[in-house]
Amino acid sequence: MKKLPIAVSSFEVMRSADYYYVDKTKLLGELNDQGRYFFLSRPRRFGKSLLLDTLHQLFAGKREFFHGLHIEPNWDWSVSYPVIRIDFGSGTLKSPSELDEKIDEILKHNANRLKIGTQANTSSGMFAEIIEGCVEQYGEKVVVLIDEYDKPILDNIENEPVAQAMREGLKNLYSVLKTQDVHLRFVFMTGVSKFSKVSLFSGLNQLQDISLIPKYATICGYTQQDLQTVFAEALAGVDWAKLKQWYNGYNFLGEPVYNPYDILLFLSADQSYRNYWFETGSPSFLLKLFKQQQYFLPNLEAPEVGEEILNSFDVERINPLTLLYQSGYLTIQHTLERRGHLRFVLGVPNEEVKVSLAEHLIGGYLPRSAEEMYPLQNKLYDALIAGDVAQIERQIHSVFAGIPWRNYTNNELAASEGFYASVLYAFFASLNATIRAEDISNHGQTDLTIELGEFIYVMEIKRDTSQDYVAGEVNPALEQIQQRGYSEKYLGSGKTVFEVGMVFNTQQRNLVQFNSVCVS
């Protein structure tokens, strides 16, 4: 059996040893025919570095590594081009001075590898000298490949002044590409996020973003066919439906793909289903951002956004949905058109991300240890799947009893119904329940609808601010469900439907009234 290319980003290593390899060279040939300047955004661990190294060996004319691949008979091997590589993927840079040192190190390495002398005192000057020197020495235009172009910014996204300084340092470096256009044969940049051209690529208008061009949707990642052909032997006996549910679903407006990292580690662990990709990075900054912006977590359920949300963001104006999408925690479920504008409906790509993200969300809102959380989750899950509404009430009360006082103070969201809905959303999501947030009927919308097993719970939440709340005969939340007929659309579902009204008191910081009615 062939080797699994775990953490292998060298095309030469991949092709020189007996590794599994999925041929993406047809798409690279199409890129070469189409233009000169390209940008690709993909989540981490998606094979971007291997893609860039493939381009490096291709333009360097290393035909020996391309035997048997689609591009071998479709490429002019009589010419090779000097290639400049810029990679910010390794290490973490925490200051502008560290960035300057890193850029200087990268440029000197390229100058030594290409045997180009430099005298400039600035990074932009040195970059320009290397490009011009290559043209003079090799007699061919230059290929520039930039990997993880945005990492110095993203590593400092919690510190806005430093992130801004990093952006300016990178902008100064990348501006050389505009002035050196006449000397450039091909430019390809990759990263996780897409910053606006105004903020980072000023003047580089020819840079074509292929991130959401359908024909390049599979340029990184494994397709279903890739798994069933290239990895057929290694995946013999696999439950294809389960594998797809767990790891497929990343959609870039073309055929959905698997994250390669997940598949390779799944195979290395004897086909064991685990959270491989998610565990390589924590969305801790996103949790902080949610709290700072008092984000209403139920809005994560099938949000509809425009192209401007997906395409770019700036350090000063970070939209949580943009970061969730570009980081791979959300993907495109489908598109629609409203008033002539293309819109995108987002959702989590697969089971791994759904469960893992929910666990992190609930951990962010309920700072308890895993040992404390697990029994609470089990009890609420068992109550929901058994239709035990009395136990559901007790467990929800326990959930809010465990929230520290500081989560309620200096927090406008905590003073709204949205706070309680956000906590409940995070907790229900961690149980892998089906959630419909602000579930719309022809009479209005309820706060949350939860479906688990053979039960559906239509929930409405009300907030009370009185000093001493006394539950009355009429539950205002339940009354609203019944008056507006929120549950009617589920009555023919064949499942047991509960209407659940909950009242939370801001003084007691907990559930003070819970009433339910079984309507089917």
Protein backbone atom coordinates (compact mmCIF):
# COMPACT_ATOMS: atom_id res chain seq x y z
CA MET A 1 0.00 0.00 0.00
CA LYS A 2 1.19 3.54 -0.76
CA LYS A 3 2.30 6.02 1.89
CA LEU A 4 -0.05 8.62 3.33
CA PRO A 5 1.30 12.14 2.61
CA ILE A 6 0.56 13.52 6.09
CA ALA A 7 2.22 16.94 6.47
CA VAL A 8 3.98 16.51 3.10
CA SER A 9 3.95 19.83 1.25
CA SER A 10 6.87 19.13 -1.08
CA PHE A 11 5.83 18.06 -4.57
CA GLU A 12 9.28 16.60 -5.16
CA VAL A 13 9.02 14.42 -2.05
CA MET A 14 5.47 13.43 -2.97
CA ARG A 15 6.47 12.31 -6.48
CA SER A 16 9.85 10.83 -5.60
CA ALA A 17 8.45 8.35 -3.10
CA ASP A 18 5.44 6.07 -3.21
CA TYR A 19 2.83 8.48 -1.82
CA TYR A 20 -0.85 8.78 -2.64
CA TYR A 21 -1.25 11.76 -4.97
CA VAL A 22 -4.36 13.37 -6.45
CA ASP A 23 -3.57 14.96 -9.81
CA LYS A 24 -4.61 18.65 -9.87
CA THR A 25 -2.41 19.63 -12.80
CA LYS A 26 -5.24 19.96 -15.33
CA LEU A 27 -6.52 22.95 -13.35
CA LEU A 28 -3.00 24.41 -13.12
CA GLY A 29 -2.69 24.25 -16.87
CA GLU A 30 -5.98 26.09 -17.24
CA LEU A 31 -4.77 28.80 -14.84
CA ASN A 32 -1.63 29.26 -16.91
CA ASP A 33 -3.72 29.64 -20.07
CA GLN A 34 -6.14 32.05 -18.41
CA GLY A 35 -3.93 34.77 -16.96
CA ARG A 36 -0.97 35.78 -14.79
CA TYR A 37 -2.17 37.00 -11.38
CA PHE A 38 -4.24 34.77 -9.12
CA PHE A 39 -5.40 34.62 -5.52
CA LEU A 40 -6.88 31.60 -3.71
CA SER A 41 -8.46 31.57 -0.25
CA ARG A 42 -8.95 28.23 1.49
CA PRO A 43 -9.12 27.15 5.16
CA ARG A 44 -6.01 25.88 6.90
CA ARG A 45 -4.76 22.35 6.23
CA PHE A 46 -6.35 22.28 2.78
CA GLY A 47 -3.27 21.59 0.66
CA LYS A 48 -2.44 25.16 -0.38
CA SER A 49 1.29 24.75 0.25
CA LEU A 50 1.49 21.58 -1.84
CA LEU A 51 -0.37 23.37 -4.63
CA LEU A 52 2.18 26.20 -4.62
CA ASP A 53 5.11 23.78 -4.63
CA THR A 54 3.54 21.97 -7.58
CA LEU A 55 3.45 25.30 -9.43
CA HIS A 56 7.08 25.90 -8.46
CA GLN A 57 8.28 22.61 -9.94
CA LEU A 58 6.08 23.13 -13.01
CA PHE A 59 7.47 26.56 -13.89
CA ALA A 60 10.98 25.40 -13.00
CA GLY A 61 10.61 22.79 -15.76
CA LYS A 62 11.07 19.72 -13.53
CA ARG A 63 9.41 17.34 -15.97
CA GLU A 64 10.70 14.27 -14.12
CA PHE A 65 8.17 14.90 -11.33
CA PHE A 66 5.20 15.10 -13.71
CA HIS A 67 5.44 11.79 -15.52
CA GLY A 68 1.99 10.29 -15.95
CA LEU A 69 0.16 13.43 -14.85
CA HIS A 70 -2.36 15.28 -16.98
CA ILE A 71 -0.14 18.26 -17.65
CA GLU A 72 2.97 16.41 -18.88
CA PRO A 73 1.97 16.34 -22.57
CA ASN A 74 0.31 19.76 -22.30
CA TRP A 75 3.21 21.91 -21.06
CA ASP A 76 6.16 23.53 -22.80
CA TRP A 77 9.11 21.90 -21.06
CA SER A 78 11.67 23.64 -23.28
CA VAL A 79 11.64 26.72 -21.07
CA SER A 80 12.03 27.15 -17.32
CA TYR A 81 11.44 30.24 -15.23
CA PRO A 82 13.11 31.61 -12.10
CA VAL A 83 10.74 31.22 -9.13
CA ILE A 84 10.61 33.43 -6.04
CA ARG A 85 8.94 31.81 -3.02
CA ILE A 86 7.54 33.82 -0.11
CA ASP A 87 6.05 31.79 2.74
CA PHE A 88 4.75 33.14 6.06
CA GLY A 89 3.38 29.77 7.19
CA SER A 90 6.02 28.90 9.78
CA GLY A 91 6.28 30.55 13.17
CA THR A 92 4.33 33.40 14.73
CA LEU A 93 5.34 37.02 14.24
CA LYS A 94 4.26 39.33 17.06
CA SER A 95 5.67 42.72 16.09
CA PRO A 96 6.47 44.81 12.99
CA SER A 97 10.17 44.39 13.69
CA GLU A 98 9.81 40.60 13.66
CA LEU A 99 7.94 40.87 10.35
CA ASP A 100 10.74 43.00 8.89
CA GLU A 101 13.30 40.42 10.00
CA LYS A 102 11.26 37.59 8.50
CA ILE A 103 10.84 39.38 5.17
CA ASP A 104 14.59 40.12 5.08
CA GLU A 105 15.33 36.44 5.83
CA ILE A 106 12.94 35.23 3.09
CA LEU A 107 14.30 37.61 0.45
CA LYS A 108 17.94 36.79 1.26
CA HIS A 109 17.16 33.08 0.99
CA ASN A 110 15.64 33.64 -2.46
CA ALA A 111 18.58 35.79 -3.53
CA ASN A 112 21.07 33.09 -2.45
CA ARG A 113 19.09 30.27 -4.07
CA LEU A 114 18.78 32.18 -7.34
CA LYS A 115 22.34 33.57 -7.11
CA ILE A 116 21.25 37.20 -7.33
CA GLY A 117 23.22 39.99 -5.69
CA THR A 118 21.35 42.74 -3.83
CA GLN A 119 22.39 46.11 -2.43
CA ALA A 120 19.05 47.65 -1.42
CA ASN A 121 18.49 48.62 2.21
CA THR A 122 14.72 48.15 2.18
CA SER A 123 12.66 44.98 1.73
CA SER A 124 10.73 46.43 -1.20
CA GLY A 125 14.00 47.49 -2.84
CA MET A 126 15.54 44.06 -2.31
CA PHE A 127 12.43 42.34 -3.70
CA ALA A 128 12.58 44.50 -6.83
CA GLU A 129 16.32 43.84 -7.25
CA ILE A 130 15.79 40.08 -7.07
CA ILE A 131 13.07 40.20 -9.72
CA GLU A 132 15.10 42.40 -12.06
CA GLY A 133 18.25 40.36 -11.40
CA CYS A 134 16.47 37.12 -12.33
CA VAL A 135 15.30 38.54 -15.64
CA GLU A 136 18.83 39.71 -16.43
CA GLN A 137 20.55 36.50 -15.35
CA TYR A 138 18.12 33.87 -16.64
CA GLY A 139 16.64 35.71 -19.60
CA GLU A 140 13.08 34.84 -18.59
CA LYS A 141 10.32 36.56 -16.69
CA VAL A 142 9.82 35.69 -13.03
CA VAL A 143 7.24 33.54 -11.22
CA VAL A 144 6.27 34.74 -7.72
CA LEU A 145 4.49 32.33 -5.35
CA ILE A 146 3.27 33.64 -1.98
CA ASP A 147 1.94 31.22 0.64
CA GLU A 148 -0.02 32.25 3.77
CA TYR A 149 0.22 35.88 2.70
CA ASP A 150 -2.12 36.95 5.54
CA LYS A 151 -0.77 34.92 8.48
CA PRO A 152 1.20 37.79 10.12
CA ILE A 153 -2.06 39.77 10.26
CA LEU A 154 -4.27 36.91 11.46
CA ASP A 155 -1.78 35.95 14.17
CA ASN A 156 -2.32 39.42 15.66
CA ILE A 157 -6.00 39.91 14.92
CA GLU A 158 -6.77 40.38 18.64
CA ASN A 159 -4.35 43.29 18.82
CA GLU A 160 -5.66 45.82 16.33
CA PRO A 161 -2.68 48.26 16.34
CA VAL A 162 -0.19 45.43 15.73
CA ALA A 163 -2.43 43.86 13.08
CA GLN A 164 -2.65 47.23 11.33
CA ALA A 165 1.13 47.59 11.42
CA MET A 166 1.56 44.08 10.00
CA ARG A 167 -0.86 44.92 7.21
CA GLU A 168 1.12 48.02 6.29
CA GLY A 169 4.38 46.06 6.28
CA LEU A 170 2.94 43.43 3.95
CA LYS A 171 1.30 46.08 1.76
CA ASN A 172 4.72 47.64 1.25
CA LEU A 173 6.15 44.26 0.17
CA TYR A 174 3.27 43.31 -2.14
CA SER A 175 3.23 46.75 -3.80
CA VAL A 176 6.43 45.70 -5.61
CA LEU A 177 4.37 43.34 -7.76
CA LYS A 178 2.61 46.29 -9.38
CA THR A 179 5.78 48.15 -10.24
CA GLN A 180 7.48 44.98 -11.54
CA ASP A 181 4.60 43.85 -13.75
CA VAL A 182 6.66 43.93 -16.94
CA HIS A 183 9.10 41.38 -15.43
CA LEU A 184 6.50 38.94 -14.06
CA ARG A 185 5.42 35.74 -15.82
CA PHE A 186 2.99 34.39 -13.17
CA VAL A 187 1.91 35.35 -9.64
CA PHE A 188 -0.08 33.13 -7.28
CA MET A 189 -1.02 34.01 -3.69
CA THR A 190 -2.77 31.86 -1.10
CA GLY A 191 -4.15 32.52 2.36
CA VAL A 192 -7.03 31.83 4.71
CA SER A 193 -8.64 35.26 4.52
CA LYS A 194 -9.18 37.79 1.81
CA PHE A 195 -8.43 41.36 2.76
CA SER A 196 -9.78 44.07 0.52
CA LYS A 197 -7.64 45.29 -2.37
CA VAL A 198 -7.81 48.78 -0.95
CA SER A 199 -6.31 47.75 2.39
CA LEU A 200 -3.60 45.33 1.23
CA PHE A 201 -3.34 45.15 -2.57
CA SER A 202 -3.63 48.80 -3.52
CA GLY A 203 -3.08 49.12 -7.26
CA LEU A 204 -2.90 45.37 -7.89
CA ASN A 205 -6.18 45.35 -9.79
CA GLN A 206 -5.13 42.51 -12.08
CA LEU A 207 -5.15 40.02 -9.18
CA GLN A 208 -7.93 37.54 -10.02
CA ASP A 209 -9.64 35.85 -7.09
CA ILE A 210 -10.44 32.24 -8.03
CA SER A 211 -11.70 31.26 -4.56
CA LEU A 212 -15.34 31.04 -5.67
CA ILE A 213 -14.97 30.29 -9.38
CA PRO A 214 -16.81 26.96 -9.87
CA LYS A 215 -14.27 25.32 -12.19
CA TYR A 216 -11.55 25.82 -9.54
CA ALA A 217 -13.71 24.64 -6.62
CA THR A 218 -11.73 21.39 -6.37
CA ILE A 219 -8.23 22.81 -6.89
CA CYS A 220 -7.60 22.02 -3.20
CA GLY A 221 -9.30 19.19 -1.33
CA TYR A 222 -10.39 15.69 -2.30
CA THR A 223 -13.54 14.97 -4.30
CA GLN A 224 -15.73 11.90 -3.85
CA GLN A 225 -14.27 10.48 -7.05
CA ASP A 226 -10.72 11.07 -5.78
CA LEU A 227 -11.46 8.94 -2.73
CA GLN A 228 -13.14 6.19 -4.71
CA THR A 229 -10.30 5.95 -7.24
CA VAL A 230 -6.94 7.15 -5.85
CA PHE A 231 -7.69 5.97 -2.29
CA ALA A 232 -9.84 2.97 -3.24
CA GLU A 233 -7.51 0.40 -1.66
CA ALA A 234 -6.99 2.34 1.57
CA LEU A 235 -10.73 3.01 1.95
CA ALA A 236 -11.89 -0.52 1.25
CA GLY A 237 -14.89 -1.36 3.41
CA VAL A 238 -15.53 2.22 4.52
CA ASP A 239 -19.08 3.41 5.22
CA TRP A 240 -19.21 6.02 2.45
CA ALA A 241 -22.34 7.73 3.75
CA LYS A 242 -20.83 8.15 7.22
CA LEU A 243 -17.48 9.32 5.83
CA LYS A 244 -19.25 11.94 3.72
CA GLN A 245 -21.37 13.07 6.67
CA TRP A 246 -18.31 13.50 8.85
CA TYR A 247 -15.74 15.08 6.53
CA ASN A 248 -17.25 16.21 3.21
CA GLY A 249 -19.29 19.35 2.58
CA TYR A 250 -16.82 22.19 1.90
CA ASN A 251 -18.47 24.05 -0.96
CA PHE A 252 -16.79 26.70 -3.09
CA LEU A 253 -19.61 26.96 -5.67
CA GLY A 254 -18.62 23.72 -7.38
CA GLU A 255 -18.39 20.08 -6.38
CA PRO A 256 -18.10 19.74 -2.57
CA VAL A 257 -14.75 18.49 -1.27
CA TYR A 258 -13.23 16.75 1.72
CA ASN A 259 -10.47 18.34 3.77
CA PRO A 260 -7.35 16.28 2.85
CA TYR A 261 -6.00 16.46 6.40
CA ASP A 262 -9.10 14.74 7.78
CA ILE A 263 -8.98 11.93 5.25
CA LEU A 264 -5.27 11.23 5.69
CA LEU A 265 -5.49 11.11 9.49
CA PHE A 266 -8.70 9.07 9.29
CA LEU A 267 -6.77 6.47 7.28
CA SER A 268 -3.73 6.60 9.54
CA ALA A 269 -5.98 5.90 12.55
CA ASP A 270 -7.51 2.77 10.99
CA GLN A 271 -10.66 4.59 9.84
CA SER A 272 -11.48 6.06 13.23
CA TYR A 273 -13.89 9.03 13.21
CA ARG A 274 -12.36 11.91 15.17
CA ASN A 275 -12.08 15.67 15.03
CA TYR A 276 -8.74 15.75 13.23
CA TRP A 277 -8.91 19.10 11.42
CA PHE A 278 -10.75 20.97 14.15
CA GLU A 279 -8.21 20.03 16.79
CA THR A 280 -5.35 21.66 14.84
CA GLY A 281 -6.70 25.12 15.65
CA SER A 282 -8.98 26.66 18.25
CA PRO A 283 -11.61 29.32 17.44
CA SER A 284 -10.84 31.08 20.72
CA PHE A 285 -10.63 34.48 19.05
CA LEU A 286 -14.04 33.94 17.49
CA LEU A 287 -15.51 33.25 20.90
CA LYS A 288 -14.03 36.50 22.19
CA LEU A 289 -15.39 38.31 19.15
CA PHE A 290 -18.87 36.89 19.72
CA LYS A 291 -18.85 38.21 23.27
CA GLN A 292 -17.36 41.59 22.40
CA GLN A 293 -19.91 42.16 19.64
CA GLN A 294 -22.70 40.58 21.73
CA TYR A 295 -23.40 38.29 18.81
CA PHE A 296 -26.75 36.49 18.74
CA LEU A 297 -25.62 32.86 18.35
CA PRO A 298 -28.84 31.56 16.77
CA ASN A 299 -27.90 33.72 13.78
CA LEU A 300 -25.28 31.07 12.99
CA GLU A 301 -28.08 28.79 11.85
CA ALA A 302 -28.30 29.15 8.04
CA PRO A 303 -27.34 32.84 7.82
CA GLU A 304 -27.88 34.53 4.47
CA VAL A 305 -25.09 36.89 3.38
CA GLY A 306 -23.92 38.85 0.36
CA GLU A 307 -20.67 38.58 -1.55
CA GLU A 308 -19.20 41.49 0.38
CA ILE A 309 -19.34 39.42 3.59
CA LEU A 310 -17.51 36.44 2.10
CA ASN A 311 -15.01 38.24 -0.07
CA SER A 312 -13.07 40.43 2.29
CA PHE A 313 -12.67 41.98 5.70
CA ASP A 314 -10.47 44.58 7.29
CA VAL A 315 -8.81 44.61 10.68
CA GLU A 316 -10.96 47.53 11.84
CA ARG A 317 -14.27 45.92 10.83
CA ILE A 318 -14.32 42.20 11.46
CA ASN A 319 -17.60 40.44 10.79
CA PRO A 320 -17.77 37.13 12.73
CA LEU A 321 -19.50 35.44 9.78
CA THR A 322 -16.67 36.44 7.45
CA LEU A 323 -14.08 34.95 9.76
CA LEU A 324 -16.16 31.80 10.35
CA TYR A 325 -16.53 31.26 6.61
CA GLN A 326 -12.96 32.02 5.61
CA SER A 327 -11.62 29.87 8.46
CA GLY A 328 -13.70 26.87 7.37
CA TYR A 329 -16.21 26.72 10.23
CA LEU A 330 -19.01 27.72 7.84
CA THR A 331 -19.36 26.95 4.15
CA ILE A 332 -21.81 27.74 1.36
CA GLN A 333 -24.91 25.55 1.50
CA HIS A 334 -26.63 27.10 -1.52
CA THR A 335 -27.03 30.35 -3.43
CA LEU A 336 -30.04 32.46 -4.34
CA GLU A 337 -30.76 35.75 -6.03
CA ARG A 338 -32.53 38.70 -4.45
CA ARG A 339 -33.24 41.85 -6.45
CA GLY A 340 -30.49 40.99 -8.90
CA HIS A 341 -27.88 40.33 -6.20
CA LEU A 342 -26.26 36.94 -5.54
CA ARG A 343 -26.79 35.77 -1.96
CA PHE A 344 -25.24 32.87 -0.06
CA VAL A 345 -26.84 30.69 2.61
CA LEU A 346 -24.16 29.39 4.95
CA GLY A 347 -23.97 26.38 7.25
CA VAL A 348 -21.46 24.10 8.93
CA PRO A 349 -19.83 21.80 6.36
CA ASN A 350 -20.01 18.48 8.18
CA GLU A 351 -20.43 16.51 11.40
CA GLU A 352 -16.88 17.10 12.62
CA VAL A 353 -17.18 20.88 12.48
CA LYS A 354 -20.76 20.95 13.74
CA VAL A 355 -20.12 19.03 16.93
CA SER A 356 -16.67 20.51 17.62
CA LEU A 357 -17.73 24.11 17.05
CA ALA A 358 -20.76 23.62 19.28
CA GLU A 359 -18.53 22.23 22.03
CA HIS A 360 -16.32 25.30 21.83
CA LEU A 361 -19.31 27.65 21.83
CA ILE A 362 -20.83 26.08 24.91
CA GLY A 363 -17.40 26.08 26.57
CA GLY A 364 -17.13 29.80 25.87
CA TYR A 365 -20.51 30.63 27.40
CA LEU A 366 -20.40 28.03 30.17
CA PRO A 367 -16.81 27.93 31.47
CA ARG A 368 -16.98 24.54 33.10
CA SER A 369 -14.59 21.63 32.74
CA ALA A 370 -15.38 18.81 30.33
CA GLU A 371 -15.93 16.53 33.33
CA GLU A 372 -18.62 18.90 34.64
CA MET A 373 -20.23 19.49 31.25
CA TYR A 374 -20.49 15.91 30.09
CA PRO A 375 -23.06 14.70 32.69
CA LEU A 376 -25.14 17.85 32.14
CA GLN A 377 -25.15 17.30 28.39
CA ASN A 378 -26.05 13.65 28.81
CA LYS A 379 -28.99 14.42 31.08
CA LEU A 380 -30.40 17.08 28.78
CA TYR A 381 -29.91 14.86 25.73
CA ASP A 382 -31.67 11.94 27.42
CA ALA A 383 -34.55 14.20 28.46
CA LEU A 384 -34.97 15.65 24.96
CA ILE A 385 -34.87 12.31 23.19
CA ALA A 386 -37.36 10.83 25.69
CA GLY A 387 -39.78 13.77 25.69
CA ASP A 388 -39.26 14.26 29.44
CA VAL A 389 -40.14 17.96 29.71
CA ALA A 390 -39.87 18.04 33.51
CA GLN A 391 -36.28 16.86 33.27
CA ILE A 392 -35.65 19.36 30.44
CA GLU A 393 -36.75 22.16 32.78
CA ARG A 394 -34.43 20.96 35.55
CA GLN A 395 -31.44 20.70 33.23
CA ILE A 396 -31.97 24.12 31.66
CA HIS A 397 -32.11 25.56 35.17
CA SER A 398 -28.82 23.81 35.96
CA VAL A 399 -27.24 25.20 32.79
CA PHE A 400 -27.90 28.81 33.75
CA ALA A 401 -27.05 28.24 37.38
CA GLY A 402 -23.53 27.43 36.24
CA ILE A 403 -22.92 30.71 34.40
CA PRO A 404 -20.59 33.03 36.35
CA TRP A 405 -21.90 36.42 37.47
CA ARG A 406 -19.35 38.24 35.25
CA ASN A 407 -21.10 36.87 32.15
CA TYR A 408 -24.17 38.89 33.10
CA THR A 409 -22.49 42.17 34.00
CA ASN A 410 -21.37 44.83 31.50
CA ASN A 411 -23.05 42.84 28.77
CA GLU A 412 -26.00 44.29 26.91
CA LEU A 413 -26.76 40.93 25.36
CA ALA A 414 -27.17 39.43 28.84
CA ALA A 415 -29.95 41.96 29.42
CA SER A 416 -31.87 40.73 26.38
CA GLU A 417 -33.74 37.63 25.38
CA GLY A 418 -30.87 37.09 22.94
CA PHE A 419 -28.47 36.13 25.72
CA TYR A 420 -30.65 33.28 26.93
CA ALA A 421 -31.37 32.14 23.36
CA SER A 422 -27.61 32.21 22.60
CA VAL A 423 -26.75 30.03 25.59
CA LEU A 424 -29.54 27.58 24.78
CA TYR A 425 -28.50 27.49 21.12
CA ALA A 426 -24.91 26.66 22.04
CA PHE A 427 -26.00 23.95 24.44
CA PHE A 428 -28.52 22.31 22.11
CA ALA A 429 -25.99 22.45 19.25
CA SER A 430 -23.46 20.61 21.43
CA LEU A 431 -26.00 17.77 21.66
CA ASN A 432 -26.05 17.45 17.85
CA ALA A 433 -29.73 18.36 17.79
CA THR A 434 -31.38 19.83 14.71
CA ILE A 435 -31.95 23.53 15.45
CA ARG A 436 -34.09 26.05 13.63
CA ALA A 437 -33.37 29.49 14.99
CA GLU A 438 -36.09 32.14 14.75
CA ASP A 439 -38.21 29.52 13.01
CA ILE A 440 -40.59 31.29 10.63
CA SER A 441 -44.23 30.37 10.08
CA ASN A 442 -46.94 32.34 8.31
CA HIS A 443 -47.90 33.82 11.70
CA GLY A 444 -44.44 35.02 12.74
CA GLN A 445 -41.35 33.35 14.17
CA THR A 446 -40.51 31.46 17.31
CA ASP A 447 -37.12 31.77 19.01
CA LEU A 448 -35.91 28.16 18.74
CA THR A 449 -37.24 24.90 17.39
CA ILE A 450 -35.33 21.81 18.53
CA GLU A 451 -35.71 18.41 16.89
CA LEU A 452 -34.16 15.29 18.37
CA GLY A 453 -35.27 11.73 17.82
CA GLU A 454 -39.05 11.53 17.63
CA PHE A 455 -39.69 14.86 19.36
CA ILE A 456 -39.97 18.48 18.24
CA TYR A 457 -39.83 21.33 20.75
CA VAL A 458 -41.16 24.73 19.64
CA MET A 459 -39.66 27.20 22.11
CA GLU A 460 -40.35 30.84 22.91
CA ILE A 461 -38.28 32.86 25.37
CA LYS A 462 -39.32 35.93 27.37
CA ARG A 463 -37.21 38.11 29.61
CA ASP A 464 -38.46 39.58 32.88
CA THR A 465 -36.69 42.35 34.79
CA SER A 466 -38.76 42.50 37.99
CA GLN A 467 -37.12 42.16 41.38
CA ASP A 468 -39.34 39.32 42.57
CA TYR A 469 -40.92 37.42 39.70
CA VAL A 470 -43.96 35.33 40.53
CA ALA A 471 -45.10 32.84 37.94
CA GLY A 472 -48.73 33.40 37.03
CA GLU A 473 -51.31 31.10 35.57
CA VAL A 474 -50.52 32.39 32.10
CA ASN A 475 -47.02 31.90 30.73
CA PRO A 476 -46.52 34.84 28.29
CA ALA A 477 -44.03 32.88 26.16
CA LEU A 478 -46.31 29.85 25.81
CA GLU A 479 -49.28 32.14 25.19
CA GLN A 480 -47.46 33.72 22.23
CA ILE A 481 -46.71 30.31 20.71
CA GLN A 482 -50.36 29.31 20.96
CA GLN A 483 -51.86 32.60 19.82
CA ARG A 484 -49.64 32.76 16.74
CA GLY A 485 -49.76 29.07 15.87
CA TYR A 486 -46.00 28.58 15.73
CA SER A 487 -46.26 24.81 16.05
CA GLU A 488 -48.94 24.24 13.42
CA LYS A 489 -46.54 23.46 10.58
CA TYR A 490 -45.13 20.49 12.54
CA LEU A 491 -48.41 18.82 13.42
CA GLY A 492 -48.30 16.56 10.37
CA SER A 493 -44.68 15.58 10.82
CA GLY A 494 -45.43 12.26 12.49
CA LYS A 495 -43.42 13.33 15.53
CA THR A 496 -44.50 14.36 19.01
CA VAL A 497 -44.62 18.16 19.21
CA PHE A 498 -44.21 20.17 22.42
CA GLU A 499 -44.87 23.88 22.79
CA VAL A 500 -42.45 25.23 25.40
CA GLY A 501 -42.66 28.70 26.95
CA MET A 502 -39.76 29.91 29.09
CA VAL A 503 -39.40 33.08 31.15
CA PHE A 504 -35.95 34.18 32.38
CA ASN A 505 -35.51 36.79 35.10
CA THR A 506 -32.51 39.13 34.91
CA GLN A 507 -32.41 39.57 38.70
CA GLN A 508 -32.38 35.86 39.47
CA ARG A 509 -30.33 35.21 36.33
CA ASN A 510 -32.16 32.00 35.61
CA LEU A 511 -35.28 30.29 34.39
CA VAL A 512 -38.24 31.32 36.55
CA GLN A 513 -41.18 29.91 34.61
CA PHE A 514 -41.39 26.88 32.33
CA ASN A 515 -44.60 25.52 30.89
CA SER A 516 -45.14 23.04 28.11
CA VAL A 517 -48.03 21.54 26.20
CA CYS A 518 -47.95 18.42 24.02
CA VAL A 519 -49.95 19.22 20.90
CA SER A 520 -49.55 16.02 18.89
